[in-house]
Amino acid sequence: MTKNMQFLTQALSGQAWAITPQMLDHLQQLVASGKAMQSLEENVTPEATVQKVPLVKANGRSVGLVTFHGVVINRCPDWGVYYGYMSPQTFAREIRMLADDSSVASIVISVDSPGGTVAGTVEAAEAVAYARSKKRVTAVVNDTCCSAAFWVASQANEIVVSPTSLTGSIGCIISHIDYSKALVDWGIVVTYIRSAVKKALGQPYEPLSDTAKAEFQKMVDDVHAQFIAAVAKGRRKARALVADQWATGEVWTGADAITAGLADRLGTLNTIIGEQTGAIAPPDPAPPTPPPDDGEEDPEARASPDPTASSSPPAAQNPSPTEDPPATTEAGSSIPYSAPPEQAQEEKTVKIEDILAKVRNGQALTAEERAFLNQHLDAQGQASTVELSPEARAAVEQAQQDAAAAREEAQTAQQTANTEREARLSREFEEEAVALGQPKAFGATLREASEKLSPEAYSAMKQSLNAASAQEKLVAEKGSSKDNRESGDVQADYRARVDAHVKAHPSASRAEAGRAVLAADPQFARRYRGG
């Protein structure tokens, strides 16, 4: 078996794929036939995956061109390019390198891929999103941009398609090949011994069980949801729109992809490179696309800066990754991508209204949304860099009033709760003091002791107070007897002895002192007990 067949067979073993069904079927037939894919001739060098095209007015700057060609195979070896495959990790590394290169004014991605493994695709897509945060990124569909390829391309600022290109096929799939019946015909029986029910499900030499099918379906659904979320964020669309209208597995041709919203305009790789290097004049900016009618824009898409409002190549130093590159005034340096003023105004207004809607609904705001809202709240009564519509300004003022009322209500409620708690605690400790034979005022002392002492120490203190109260009550009862003056004298003597013992031993309680006095003088103890 060739090297090619080995890494392809591994990739087809129970992995989730984001790929066109035709290509997946072709790969499976390739593995089943045992024939290696025809490689390039040995004396032919594959196309360079990264190039730098100088600007017309270069000044040492260029447009970075990187290819996304072939079937995506997670961690595909470098020689896989000879067989029509590509590594998403290599692509991600190249994109990040161009993003961090201050001499690269903008990035163009040439896309010609039916998709491939989900593994590695997220890494490649995140690299494009990272590059988009630093400079202009344009994805050009140079024939096919399906499944995993569209996942990656959707993170660019703009997607350009040709009249005959194919775009879409959003979704994922896991395949399972069952050889068990063929093995039976050959007289071969394969038995799997599992440590757990879900261990190594979906083996090729056994029928697909209901458990395995359910687990695979769960995996497919989870990856599909991630796919939808990534496309919605990258294309700044509602997740419901992406799920209902785009994520159907459908493929759109040329201008149909633009009409559906998956792409932005028609063009070719040569025209885009010419526009961004300044070799040809850019087209007139397209009017702003109206928001979808079927739902709100995806919150995660709103959380990041709108890259379509960014301008062409940044200055020599890299801009902040959280901001779009500043506009350049250098003639011929690149296509001016700044959004029209009315479009930018609409985007700002929509954003503040959406943020305020989240505030009213009690939803958490992202750090950027909080900063954006605070900026406008702090700017009330001052000149603002962004003019808000009357409706938005009224919403801001109402939000301020609602927030102030909510704070006041919360403070009042807290004060009321604190007052009620103080009254309840005072009442409880006063009752406890009386139960221990002490005056109500002693409740404050008990409360302080309960806060400072450990539960065990506080319990021991209450036991001592209770014992002392019982002793004093007994003394009082005996001392009040009119029939036995001698008993009264004994009680007086007892109290005097206890007082003396406590004075000599300050750490001893009166109960402990009483026991010590009676133990020290047995004869007195008999008199005290009436014996």
Protein backbone atom coordinates (compact mmCIF):
# COMPACT_ATOMS: atom_id res chain seq x y z
CA MET A 1 0.00 0.00 0.00
CA THR A 2 1.37 3.42 -0.92
CA LYS A 3 1.93 6.25 1.51
CA ASN A 4 -1.01 8.01 -0.09
CA MET A 5 -3.42 5.18 0.65
CA GLN A 6 -2.26 4.92 4.27
CA PHE A 7 -3.06 8.47 5.35
CA LEU A 8 -6.27 8.50 3.28
CA THR A 9 -7.48 5.25 4.90
CA GLN A 10 -6.79 6.70 8.36
CA ALA A 11 -8.75 9.84 7.52
CA LEU A 12 -11.75 7.78 6.39
CA SER A 13 -11.87 5.72 9.60
CA GLY A 14 -14.91 7.05 11.45
CA GLN A 15 -14.04 10.75 11.19
CA ALA A 16 -16.53 13.55 10.64
CA TRP A 17 -16.19 15.09 7.18
CA ALA A 18 -17.33 18.40 5.72
CA ILE A 19 -17.06 17.47 2.06
CA THR A 20 -19.17 17.11 -1.06
CA PRO A 21 -20.86 13.69 -1.32
CA GLN A 22 -19.31 13.09 -4.74
CA MET A 23 -15.78 13.50 -3.46
CA LEU A 24 -16.44 11.38 -0.37
CA ASP A 25 -17.80 8.62 -2.59
CA HIS A 26 -14.74 8.92 -4.84
CA LEU A 27 -12.35 8.63 -1.88
CA GLN A 28 -14.18 5.59 -0.53
CA GLN A 29 -14.05 3.89 -3.93
CA LEU A 30 -10.37 4.74 -4.14
CA VAL A 31 -9.66 3.00 -0.84
CA ALA A 32 -11.93 0.05 -1.68
CA SER A 33 -10.20 -0.49 -5.02
CA GLY A 34 -6.73 -0.44 -3.47
CA LYS A 35 -5.48 1.84 -6.24
CA ALA A 36 -3.38 4.85 -5.42
CA MET A 37 -4.44 8.23 -6.73
CA GLN A 38 -2.28 9.24 -9.67
CA SER A 39 0.41 11.58 -8.46
CA LEU A 40 2.06 14.43 -10.28
CA GLU A 41 5.01 13.66 -12.46
CA GLU A 42 8.22 13.57 -10.52
CA ASN A 43 9.77 16.39 -12.53
CA VAL A 44 6.76 18.69 -11.97
CA THR A 45 6.90 21.06 -9.02
CA PRO A 46 3.53 21.73 -7.40
CA GLU A 47 2.28 25.30 -7.32
CA ALA A 48 3.56 27.51 -4.54
CA THR A 49 1.08 27.76 -1.69
CA VAL A 50 2.20 31.28 -0.71
CA GLN A 51 3.22 34.15 -2.97
CA LYS A 52 3.70 37.89 -2.52
CA VAL A 53 2.56 40.15 -5.36
CA PRO A 54 4.10 43.66 -5.13
CA LEU A 55 1.81 46.68 -5.18
CA VAL A 56 2.05 49.00 -8.17
CA LYS A 57 3.27 51.69 -5.80
CA ALA A 58 5.00 49.10 -3.74
CA ASN A 59 7.21 50.93 -1.26
CA GLY A 60 8.28 47.45 -0.23
CA ARG A 61 4.72 46.24 0.31
CA SER A 62 2.76 43.46 -1.38
CA VAL A 63 -0.45 41.45 -1.49
CA GLY A 64 -0.16 38.00 0.07
CA LEU A 65 -1.62 35.20 -2.06
CA VAL A 66 -2.20 31.84 -0.38
CA THR A 67 -3.87 28.77 -1.88
CA PHE A 68 -6.52 26.55 -0.34
CA HIS A 69 -6.52 23.83 -3.00
CA GLY A 70 -7.35 20.13 -2.74
CA VAL A 71 -9.08 17.77 -0.33
CA VAL A 72 -8.58 18.84 3.28
CA ILE A 73 -6.91 16.07 5.30
CA ASN A 74 -6.07 16.71 8.94
CA ARG A 75 -2.26 16.85 9.38
CA CYS A 76 -1.71 15.81 5.79
CA PRO A 77 2.03 15.33 5.11
CA ASP A 78 3.76 17.89 2.90
CA TRP A 79 4.08 15.42 0.03
CA GLY A 80 0.29 15.00 0.01
CA VAL A 81 0.05 18.01 -2.30
CA TYR A 82 1.33 15.74 -5.07
CA TYR A 83 -1.85 13.67 -4.68
CA GLY A 84 -4.31 16.55 -4.56
CA TYR A 85 -4.60 16.90 -0.78
CA MET A 86 -3.79 19.75 1.60
CA SER A 87 -3.00 20.23 5.27
CA PRO A 88 -5.22 22.72 7.16
CA GLN A 89 -2.44 23.15 9.72
CA THR A 90 0.03 24.23 7.02
CA PHE A 91 -2.54 26.65 5.60
CA ALA A 92 -3.23 28.12 9.06
CA ARG A 93 0.48 28.64 9.64
CA GLU A 94 0.87 30.41 6.29
CA ILE A 95 -2.14 32.68 6.87
CA ARG A 96 -0.93 33.72 10.32
CA MET A 97 2.53 34.40 8.94
CA LEU A 98 1.07 36.75 6.30
CA ALA A 99 -1.18 38.40 8.90
CA ASP A 100 1.82 39.22 11.10
CA ASP A 101 3.99 40.41 8.19
CA SER A 102 3.89 44.22 8.17
CA SER A 103 5.05 44.28 4.55
CA VAL A 104 1.86 42.48 3.46
CA ALA A 105 -0.91 45.01 2.82
CA SER A 106 -3.77 42.54 2.29
CA ILE A 107 -4.36 38.81 1.80
CA VAL A 108 -6.10 36.96 -1.04
CA ILE A 109 -7.04 33.28 -0.65
CA SER A 110 -7.47 31.21 -3.81
CA VAL A 111 -10.04 28.53 -2.91
CA ASP A 112 -10.52 25.36 -4.95
CA SER A 113 -11.56 22.57 -2.60
CA PRO A 114 -14.53 20.21 -2.12
CA GLY A 115 -13.86 20.23 1.63
CA GLY A 116 -12.50 17.41 3.74
CA THR A 117 -12.05 16.43 7.36
CA VAL A 118 -13.65 18.54 10.07
CA ALA A 119 -10.52 17.99 12.15
CA GLY A 120 -8.15 20.80 11.27
CA THR A 121 -10.81 22.90 9.54
CA VAL A 122 -11.62 24.88 12.69
CA GLU A 123 -7.92 25.68 13.09
CA ALA A 124 -7.73 26.94 9.49
CA ALA A 125 -10.91 29.02 9.88
CA GLU A 126 -9.65 30.62 13.09
CA ALA A 127 -6.43 31.57 11.31
CA VAL A 128 -8.43 33.41 8.62
CA ALA A 129 -10.49 35.18 11.31
CA TYR A 130 -7.23 36.20 13.00
CA ALA A 131 -5.87 37.59 9.73
CA ARG A 132 -9.15 39.41 9.12
CA SER A 133 -8.73 41.22 12.44
CA LYS A 134 -5.40 42.65 11.24
CA LYS A 135 -5.85 43.34 7.51
CA ARG A 136 -8.12 42.87 4.53
CA VAL A 137 -8.75 39.21 3.60
CA THR A 138 -10.52 38.25 0.36
CA ALA A 139 -11.47 34.67 -0.52
CA VAL A 140 -11.72 34.04 -4.28
CA VAL A 141 -13.59 30.89 -5.32
CA ASN A 142 -11.27 29.66 -8.03
CA ASP A 143 -13.65 26.84 -9.06
CA THR A 144 -14.99 25.07 -5.93
CA CYS A 145 -15.60 26.25 -2.36
CA CYS A 146 -17.69 23.60 -0.61
CA SER A 147 -18.15 22.27 2.92
CA ALA A 148 -14.93 22.68 4.92
CA ALA A 149 -13.60 25.09 2.28
CA PHE A 150 -16.61 27.38 2.74
CA TRP A 151 -16.24 27.07 6.54
CA VAL A 152 -12.78 28.59 6.10
CA ALA A 153 -13.67 31.12 3.38
CA SER A 154 -16.66 32.44 5.37
CA GLN A 155 -14.23 33.99 7.85
CA ALA A 156 -12.80 36.36 5.21
CA ASN A 157 -13.97 39.95 4.76
CA GLU A 158 -15.28 39.18 1.30
CA ILE A 159 -16.05 36.14 -0.86
CA VAL A 160 -15.69 36.59 -4.63
CA VAL A 161 -17.06 33.97 -7.04
CA SER A 162 -16.73 33.42 -10.78
CA PRO A 163 -19.80 32.80 -12.99
CA THR A 164 -19.15 29.05 -13.06
CA SER A 165 -17.82 28.45 -9.54
CA LEU A 166 -19.52 26.16 -7.00
CA THR A 167 -20.18 27.36 -3.47
CA GLY A 168 -21.95 25.88 -0.45
CA SER A 169 -22.57 22.26 0.57
CA ILE A 170 -22.77 23.32 4.22
CA GLY A 171 -23.04 20.25 6.43
CA CYS A 172 -21.08 17.26 7.65
CA ILE A 173 -21.17 13.48 7.31
CA ILE A 174 -19.69 10.31 8.81
CA SER A 175 -19.47 7.18 6.69
CA HIS A 176 -19.52 3.55 7.79
CA ILE A 177 -18.62 0.59 5.61
CA ASP A 178 -19.97 -2.81 6.70
CA TYR A 179 -17.89 -5.78 5.50
CA SER A 180 -19.57 -8.28 7.83
CA LYS A 181 -21.69 -9.99 5.15
CA ALA A 182 -18.70 -10.39 2.86
CA LEU A 183 -16.75 -11.96 5.74
CA VAL A 184 -19.59 -14.43 6.34
CA ASP A 185 -19.41 -15.49 2.70
CA TRP A 186 -15.70 -16.09 3.16
CA GLY A 187 -16.24 -18.03 6.37
CA ILE A 188 -14.60 -15.39 8.55
CA VAL A 189 -16.09 -14.28 11.87
CA VAL A 190 -14.79 -11.16 13.63
CA THR A 191 -15.59 -10.71 17.32
CA TYR A 192 -15.07 -7.46 19.23
CA ILE A 193 -14.49 -7.57 23.00
CA ARG A 194 -15.28 -4.14 24.45
CA SER A 195 -14.49 -2.70 27.85
CA ALA A 196 -17.58 -0.48 27.58
CA VAL A 197 -20.69 -0.45 25.43
CA LYS A 198 -19.60 2.64 23.51
CA LYS A 199 -15.95 1.66 23.04
CA ALA A 200 -14.79 1.73 19.39
CA LEU A 201 -18.24 1.89 17.85
CA GLY A 202 -18.83 1.49 14.12
CA GLN A 203 -16.14 -1.01 13.25
CA PRO A 204 -16.13 -2.07 9.56
CA TYR A 205 -16.48 -5.80 10.29
CA GLU A 206 -19.80 -5.54 12.12
CA PRO A 207 -23.23 -4.08 11.27
CA LEU A 208 -23.83 -0.54 12.50
CA SER A 209 -25.69 -0.89 15.82
CA ASP A 210 -28.40 1.49 17.00
CA THR A 211 -26.03 2.73 19.72
CA ALA A 212 -23.28 3.44 17.23
CA LYS A 213 -25.70 5.15 14.86
CA ALA A 214 -27.01 7.37 17.68
CA GLU A 215 -23.49 8.33 18.75
CA PHE A 216 -22.45 9.14 15.18
CA GLN A 217 -25.62 11.19 14.69
CA LYS A 218 -24.88 13.11 17.88
CA MET A 219 -21.37 13.85 16.62
CA VAL A 220 -22.66 14.98 13.22
CA ASP A 221 -25.28 17.25 14.83
CA ASP A 222 -22.70 18.83 17.11
CA VAL A 223 -20.26 19.54 14.28
CA HIS A 224 -23.12 20.83 12.12
CA ALA A 225 -24.07 23.32 14.85
CA GLN A 226 -20.46 24.52 15.07
CA PHE A 227 -20.36 24.88 11.29
CA ILE A 228 -23.53 27.01 11.31
CA ALA A 229 -22.22 29.20 14.15
CA ALA A 230 -18.91 29.81 12.35
CA VAL A 231 -20.57 30.73 9.06
CA ALA A 232 -23.09 33.01 10.81
CA LYS A 233 -20.32 34.83 12.64
CA GLY A 234 -18.07 35.13 9.62
CA ARG A 235 -20.81 36.23 7.21
CA ARG A 236 -22.61 38.31 9.87
CA LYS A 237 -25.92 36.59 9.40
CA ALA A 238 -28.53 35.20 11.77
CA ARG A 239 -27.90 31.59 12.74
CA ALA A 240 -31.53 30.79 11.92
CA LEU A 241 -31.00 32.05 8.37
CA VAL A 242 -27.84 29.99 7.92
CA ALA A 243 -29.48 26.88 9.38
CA ASP A 244 -32.72 27.14 7.40
CA GLN A 245 -31.55 28.51 4.06
CA TRP A 246 -27.85 27.69 3.64
CA ALA A 247 -27.09 24.55 5.67
CA THR A 248 -29.11 22.26 3.44
CA GLY A 249 -26.19 20.60 1.67
CA GLU A 250 -27.13 22.60 -1.43
CA VAL A 251 -24.50 23.97 -3.83
CA TRP A 252 -24.92 27.33 -5.60
CA THR A 253 -23.39 28.28 -8.94
CA GLY A 254 -21.79 31.67 -9.62
CA ALA A 255 -24.21 34.56 -9.22
CA ASP A 256 -26.76 32.35 -7.46
CA ALA A 257 -24.38 32.21 -4.48
CA ILE A 258 -24.41 36.02 -4.40
CA THR A 259 -28.21 36.15 -4.55
CA ALA A 260 -28.43 33.62 -1.70
CA GLY A 261 -25.96 35.67 0.37
CA LEU A 262 -23.09 33.18 0.50
CA ALA A 263 -20.84 35.40 -1.65
CA ASP A 264 -20.44 39.12 -2.23
CA ARG A 265 -19.62 39.75 -5.90
CA LEU A 266 -18.40 38.29 -9.16
CA GLY A 267 -14.74 38.34 -10.08
CA THR A 268 -11.68 36.26 -10.82
CA LEU A 269 -8.40 35.75 -9.05
CA ASN A 270 -6.59 37.92 -11.61
CA THR A 271 -9.02 40.83 -11.25
CA ILE A 272 -8.90 40.72 -7.46
CA ILE A 273 -5.10 40.67 -7.44
CA GLY A 274 -5.13 43.54 -9.95
CA GLU A 275 -7.50 45.58 -7.79
CA GLN A 276 -5.58 45.06 -4.58
CA THR A 277 -2.16 45.72 -6.12
CA GLY A 278 -3.46 48.86 -7.84
CA ALA A 279 -2.91 47.49 -11.35
CA ILE A 280 -6.58 47.98 -12.26
CA ALA A 281 -9.29 50.28 -10.97
CA PRO A 282 -11.60 48.79 -8.31
CA PRO A 283 -15.35 48.55 -8.94
CA ASP A 284 -17.83 50.93 -7.38
CA PRO A 285 -18.77 49.89 -3.84
CA ALA A 286 -21.96 47.86 -3.67
CA PRO A 287 -24.95 49.23 -1.74
CA PRO A 288 -25.39 47.90 1.80
CA THR A 289 -27.12 44.54 2.08
CA PRO A 290 -30.38 44.80 4.06
CA PRO A 291 -30.58 42.73 7.24
CA PRO A 292 -32.46 39.40 7.08
CA ASP A 293 -36.20 39.55 7.70
CA ASP A 294 -36.40 36.29 9.62
CA GLY A 295 -34.48 37.12 12.77
CA GLU A 296 -31.87 39.09 14.61
CA GLU A 297 -28.27 39.17 13.55
CA ASP A 298 -26.15 36.57 15.30
CA PRO A 299 -24.94 38.01 18.68
CA GLU A 300 -21.44 36.65 18.21
CA ALA A 301 -21.24 38.31 14.80
CA ARG A 302 -22.21 41.63 16.37
CA ALA A 303 -19.58 41.24 19.08
CA SER A 304 -16.67 41.62 16.65
CA PRO A 305 -15.91 44.70 14.50
CA ASP A 306 -17.58 44.75 11.09
CA PRO A 307 -14.76 43.88 8.70
CA THR A 308 -16.71 45.07 5.64
CA ALA A 309 -16.27 48.59 6.98
CA SER A 310 -12.51 48.25 7.06
CA SER A 311 -10.35 49.93 4.49
CA SER A 312 -7.52 48.63 2.43
CA PRO A 313 -3.95 47.88 3.49
CA PRO A 314 -2.86 49.13 6.90
CA ALA A 315 0.09 51.33 7.73
CA ALA A 316 3.56 49.92 8.21
CA GLN A 317 2.88 48.82 11.74
CA ASN A 318 0.23 46.19 12.41
CA PRO A 319 -3.07 47.57 13.69
CA SER A 320 -4.73 46.34 16.82
CA PRO A 321 -6.25 42.87 16.27
CA THR A 322 -9.55 44.10 17.69
CA GLU A 323 -9.90 46.88 15.12
CA ASP A 324 -10.17 46.96 11.35
CA PRO A 325 -7.12 48.35 9.48
CA PRO A 326 -7.15 52.14 9.00
CA ALA A 327 -7.81 53.55 5.54
CA THR A 328 -4.83 54.33 3.36
CA THR A 329 -4.62 57.40 1.14
CA GLU A 330 -1.83 56.02 -1.01
CA ALA A 331 -3.10 56.09 -4.60
CA GLY A 332 -3.04 52.75 -6.33
CA SER A 333 -2.09 50.90 -3.17
CA SER A 334 -5.32 48.87 -2.97
CA ILE A 335 -9.06 48.86 -3.49
CA PRO A 336 -10.86 51.25 -1.09
CA TYR A 337 -13.03 48.99 1.00
CA SER A 338 -14.48 51.59 3.40
CA ALA A 339 -18.23 51.32 3.71
CA PRO A 340 -20.33 54.32 2.60
CA PRO A 341 -21.05 56.79 5.47
CA GLU A 342 -24.75 55.95 5.50
CA GLN A 343 -23.93 52.23 5.68
CA ALA A 344 -21.49 52.74 8.56
CA GLN A 345 -24.11 54.90 10.32
CA GLU A 346 -26.72 52.17 9.91
CA GLU A 347 -24.35 49.53 11.29
CA LYS A 348 -23.52 51.68 14.34
CA THR A 349 -27.22 52.40 15.00
CA VAL A 350 -28.17 48.75 14.68
CA LYS A 351 -25.40 47.77 17.05
CA ILE A 352 -26.37 50.17 19.86
CA GLU A 353 -30.05 49.21 19.50
CA ASP A 354 -29.19 45.52 19.65
CA ILE A 355 -27.01 46.06 22.72
CA LEU A 356 -29.80 47.96 24.47
CA ALA A 357 -32.24 45.20 23.59
CA LYS A 358 -29.94 42.69 25.28
CA VAL A 359 -29.75 44.95 28.35
CA ARG A 360 -33.54 45.14 28.59
CA ASN A 361 -33.82 41.36 28.28
CA GLY A 362 -31.27 40.78 31.02
CA GLN A 363 -28.77 39.14 28.65
CA ALA A 364 -25.03 39.28 29.33
CA LEU A 365 -22.97 41.65 27.17
CA THR A 366 -19.56 40.91 25.73
CA ALA A 367 -16.62 43.06 26.84
CA GLU A 368 -16.73 44.95 23.56
CA GLU A 369 -20.48 45.55 23.81
CA ARG A 370 -20.08 46.89 27.35
CA ALA A 371 -17.31 49.23 26.21
CA PHE A 372 -19.39 50.37 23.24
CA LEU A 373 -22.43 51.07 25.44
CA ASN A 374 -20.38 52.85 28.12
CA GLN A 375 -18.80 55.06 25.48
CA HIS A 376 -22.21 56.34 24.40
CA LEU A 377 -23.62 56.57 27.91
CA ASP A 378 -20.60 58.65 28.98
CA ALA A 379 -20.92 60.83 25.89
CA GLN A 380 -24.48 61.96 26.63
CA GLY A 381 -24.55 65.75 26.55
CA GLN A 382 -21.16 65.84 24.80
CA ALA A 383 -20.15 65.75 21.15
CA SER A 384 -20.21 62.15 19.94
CA THR A 385 -18.12 60.70 17.17
CA VAL A 386 -21.17 58.73 15.98
CA GLU A 387 -24.54 60.35 15.35
CA LEU A 388 -27.34 58.23 16.74
CA SER A 389 -30.81 58.14 15.32
CA PRO A 390 -33.53 59.78 17.49
CA GLU A 391 -34.89 56.33 18.27
CA ALA A 392 -31.46 55.07 19.37
CA ARG A 393 -30.80 58.19 21.48
CA ALA A 394 -34.21 57.82 23.13
CA ALA A 395 -33.37 54.18 23.82
CA VAL A 396 -30.07 55.21 25.45
CA GLU A 397 -31.81 57.75 27.68
CA GLN A 398 -34.49 55.23 28.60
CA ALA A 399 -31.80 52.67 29.39
CA GLN A 400 -30.11 55.19 31.69
CA GLN A 401 -33.38 55.91 33.50
CA ASP A 402 -34.21 52.22 33.78
CA ALA A 403 -30.73 51.45 35.09
CA ALA A 404 -30.95 54.24 37.70
CA ALA A 405 -34.41 53.10 38.80
CA ALA A 406 -33.22 49.51 39.00
CA ARG A 407 -30.21 50.52 41.13
CA GLU A 408 -32.41 52.58 43.47
CA GLU A 409 -34.92 49.76 43.79
CA ALA A 410 -32.15 47.27 44.50
CA GLN A 411 -30.65 49.55 47.17
CA THR A 412 -34.04 50.04 48.83
CA ALA A 413 -34.70 46.32 48.80
CA GLN A 414 -31.27 45.65 50.29
CA GLN A 415 -31.79 48.22 53.04
CA THR A 416 -35.18 46.76 53.89
CA ALA A 417 -33.75 43.27 54.01
CA ASN A 418 -30.89 44.43 56.25
CA THR A 419 -33.31 46.17 58.64
CA GLU A 420 -35.54 43.12 58.86
CA ARG A 421 -32.54 40.88 59.43
CA GLU A 422 -31.24 43.10 62.27
CA ALA A 423 -34.63 43.13 63.98
CA ARG A 424 -34.99 39.37 63.67
CA LEU A 425 -31.52 38.65 65.05
CA SER A 426 -31.98 41.08 67.96
CA ARG A 427 -35.28 39.44 68.86
CA GLU A 428 -33.83 35.92 68.67
CA PHE A 429 -30.82 36.71 70.87
CA GLU A 430 -32.95 38.58 73.43
CA GLU A 431 -35.20 35.52 73.72
CA GLU A 432 -32.15 33.29 74.09
CA ALA A 433 -30.75 35.56 76.83
CA VAL A 434 -34.02 35.34 78.79
CA ALA A 435 -34.03 31.55 78.37
CA LEU A 436 -30.55 31.47 79.92
CA GLY A 437 -31.73 33.49 82.91
CA GLN A 438 -30.21 36.77 81.74
CA PRO A 439 -31.83 40.15 81.00
CA LYS A 440 -32.87 41.01 77.45
CA ALA A 441 -29.99 43.46 77.12
CA PHE A 442 -27.62 40.49 77.45
CA GLY A 443 -28.81 39.43 73.97
CA ALA A 444 -26.36 41.88 72.38
CA THR A 445 -23.51 40.17 74.25
CA LEU A 446 -24.71 36.76 73.07
CA ARG A 447 -24.85 37.93 69.45
CA GLU A 448 -21.34 39.33 69.59
CA ALA A 449 -20.09 36.08 71.15
CA SER A 450 -21.81 33.99 68.45
CA GLU A 451 -20.04 36.01 65.74
CA LYS A 452 -16.59 35.82 67.33
CA LEU A 453 -16.54 32.34 68.90
CA SER A 454 -16.55 29.00 67.18
CA PRO A 455 -19.82 27.03 67.33
CA GLU A 456 -18.34 24.68 69.93
CA ALA A 457 -17.09 27.49 72.18
CA TYR A 458 -20.38 29.36 71.91
CA SER A 459 -22.33 26.21 72.84
CA ALA A 460 -20.09 25.63 75.88
CA MET A 461 -20.64 29.23 76.99
CA LYS A 462 -24.41 28.80 76.83
CA GLN A 463 -24.20 25.58 78.87
CA SER A 464 -22.22 27.38 81.58
CA LEU A 465 -24.72 30.22 81.67
CA ASN A 466 -27.58 27.78 81.88
CA ALA A 467 -25.95 25.87 84.77
CA ALA A 468 -25.17 29.08 86.64
CA SER A 469 -28.75 30.26 86.17
CA ALA A 470 -30.05 27.00 87.61
CA GLN A 471 -27.73 27.27 90.62
CA GLU A 472 -28.71 30.86 91.28
CA LYS A 473 -32.38 29.98 90.96
CA LEU A 474 -31.92 27.19 93.52
CA VAL A 475 -30.04 29.55 95.81
CA ALA A 476 -32.81 32.11 95.49
CA GLU A 477 -35.45 29.53 96.30
CA LYS A 478 -33.60 28.30 99.41
CA GLY A 479 -32.70 31.82 100.51
CA SER A 480 -36.36 32.91 100.44
CA SER A 481 -37.53 30.23 102.85
CA LYS A 482 -38.83 31.90 105.98
CA ASP A 483 -38.77 28.59 107.84
CA ASN A 484 -35.03 28.14 107.76
CA ARG A 485 -32.85 31.14 108.51
CA GLU A 486 -29.84 28.88 108.80
CA SER A 487 -30.37 27.79 105.24
CA GLY A 488 -30.34 31.44 104.20
CA ASP A 489 -27.05 31.90 105.98
CA VAL A 490 -25.66 28.83 104.21
CA GLN A 491 -26.74 30.23 100.86
CA ALA A 492 -25.16 33.58 101.64
CA ASP A 493 -21.97 31.79 102.67
CA TYR A 494 -22.11 29.75 99.47
CA ARG A 495 -22.39 32.87 97.32
CA ALA A 496 -19.53 34.50 99.14
CA ARG A 497 -17.32 31.45 98.66
CA VAL A 498 -18.23 31.28 94.94
CA ASP A 499 -17.45 34.97 94.51
CA ALA A 500 -14.09 34.47 96.17
CA HIS A 501 -13.27 31.48 93.96
CA VAL A 502 -14.21 33.38 90.75
CA LYS A 503 -12.08 36.30 91.89
CA ALA A 504 -9.15 33.97 92.45
CA HIS A 505 -9.79 32.08 89.21
CA PRO A 506 -11.12 34.61 86.61
CA SER A 507 -11.34 32.00 83.86
CA ALA A 508 -13.72 29.79 85.88
CA SER A 509 -17.48 30.13 85.46
CA ARG A 510 -19.76 30.43 88.48
CA ALA A 511 -20.96 26.88 87.96
CA GLU A 512 -17.38 25.61 87.98
CA ALA A 513 -16.64 27.74 91.05
CA GLY A 514 -19.69 26.32 92.84
CA ARG A 515 -18.58 22.76 92.19
CA ALA A 516 -15.06 23.59 93.39
CA VAL A 517 -16.37 25.20 96.63
CA LEU A 518 -18.53 22.18 97.51
CA ALA A 519 -15.74 19.73 96.69
CA ALA A 520 -13.27 21.60 98.91
CA ASP A 521 -15.47 21.43 102.05
CA PRO A 522 -17.60 18.23 102.28
CA GLN A 523 -19.16 19.29 105.60
CA PHE A 524 -20.26 22.60 104.13
CA ALA A 525 -21.51 20.76 101.09
CA ARG A 526 -23.78 18.61 103.30
CA ARG A 527 -25.15 21.71 105.01
CA TYR A 528 -25.66 23.40 101.64
CA ARG A 529 -27.55 20.39 100.26
CA GLY A 530 -29.72 20.19 103.37
CA GLY A 531 -28.13 17.02 104.65
